[in-house]
Amino acid sequence: MKKHGFNYLDAARAGVVLCSILFQYHSTTLKEIDPYVAAGIVAQGIIEAAKTVPPPLKSSSR
């Protein structure tokens, strides 16, 4: 992530895109998994990742 100049948000976005591309490939080309199931797995992963984000260490108080 840091090697390529990504911050945490950009790295998360890149991960979502990569995961979506891989699932699309497997569901359309290899026909290993149903496209609707693949979309559900990707969506569930995004939701789980969003729920497990740690709070910032130093928050600014206003």
Protein backbone atom coordinates (compact mmCIF):
# COMPACT_ATOMS: atom_id res chain seq x y z
CA MET A 1 0.00 0.00 0.00
CA LYS A 2 2.62 2.53 1.05
CA LYS A 3 5.01 1.31 -1.64
CA HIS A 4 2.55 2.51 -4.29
CA GLY A 5 1.59 5.72 -2.50
CA PHE A 6 -1.89 4.70 -1.34
CA ASN A 7 -3.39 5.96 1.86
CA TYR A 8 -5.80 3.76 3.81
CA LEU A 9 -8.89 4.96 1.94
CA ASP A 10 -7.33 4.48 -1.49
CA ALA A 11 -6.06 1.04 -0.51
CA ALA A 12 -9.56 0.04 0.62
CA ARG A 13 -11.01 1.27 -2.66
CA ALA A 14 -8.40 -0.65 -4.64
CA GLY A 15 -9.22 -3.77 -2.64
CA VAL A 16 -12.92 -3.45 -3.43
CA VAL A 17 -12.22 -3.01 -7.13
CA LEU A 18 -9.83 -5.96 -7.23
CA CYS A 19 -12.26 -8.19 -5.35
CA SER A 20 -15.07 -7.23 -7.71
CA ILE A 21 -12.96 -7.94 -10.79
CA LEU A 22 -11.87 -11.34 -9.48
CA PHE A 23 -15.41 -12.36 -8.59
CA GLN A 24 -16.68 -11.20 -11.98
CA TYR A 25 -14.00 -13.28 -13.69
CA HIS A 26 -14.84 -16.39 -11.71
CA SER A 27 -18.59 -16.01 -12.12
CA THR A 28 -18.62 -15.26 -15.87
CA THR A 29 -15.56 -16.94 -17.35
CA LEU A 30 -14.99 -19.97 -15.18
CA LYS A 31 -18.64 -20.30 -14.12
CA GLU A 32 -17.52 -21.53 -10.70
CA ILE A 33 -20.03 -19.39 -8.81
CA ASP A 34 -23.40 -17.78 -9.55
CA PRO A 35 -23.02 -14.02 -10.29
CA TYR A 36 -25.72 -13.13 -7.75
CA VAL A 37 -23.99 -15.16 -5.05
CA ALA A 38 -20.67 -13.52 -5.96
CA ALA A 39 -22.21 -10.05 -5.68
CA GLY A 40 -23.62 -10.97 -2.29
CA ILE A 41 -20.24 -12.18 -1.05
CA VAL A 42 -18.56 -8.96 -2.17
CA ALA A 43 -21.29 -6.84 -0.55
CA GLN A 44 -21.06 -8.81 2.69
CA GLY A 45 -17.30 -8.34 2.75
CA ILE A 46 -17.66 -4.59 2.31
CA ILE A 47 -20.22 -4.40 5.12
CA GLU A 48 -18.08 -6.51 7.46
CA ALA A 49 -15.02 -4.39 6.71
CA ALA A 50 -16.95 -1.18 7.37
CA LYS A 51 -18.15 -2.50 10.73
CA THR A 52 -14.67 -3.48 11.90
CA VAL A 53 -12.83 -0.24 11.20
CA PRO A 54 -11.08 0.87 14.39
CA PRO A 55 -11.73 4.36 15.71
CA PRO A 56 -8.98 6.94 15.16
CA LEU A 57 -6.33 7.03 17.88
CA LYS A 58 -6.41 10.82 18.29
CA SER A 59 -9.68 12.54 17.60
CA SER A 60 -9.90 16.29 17.40
CA SER A 61 -12.33 17.86 19.82
CA ARG A 62 -14.17 20.98 18.78
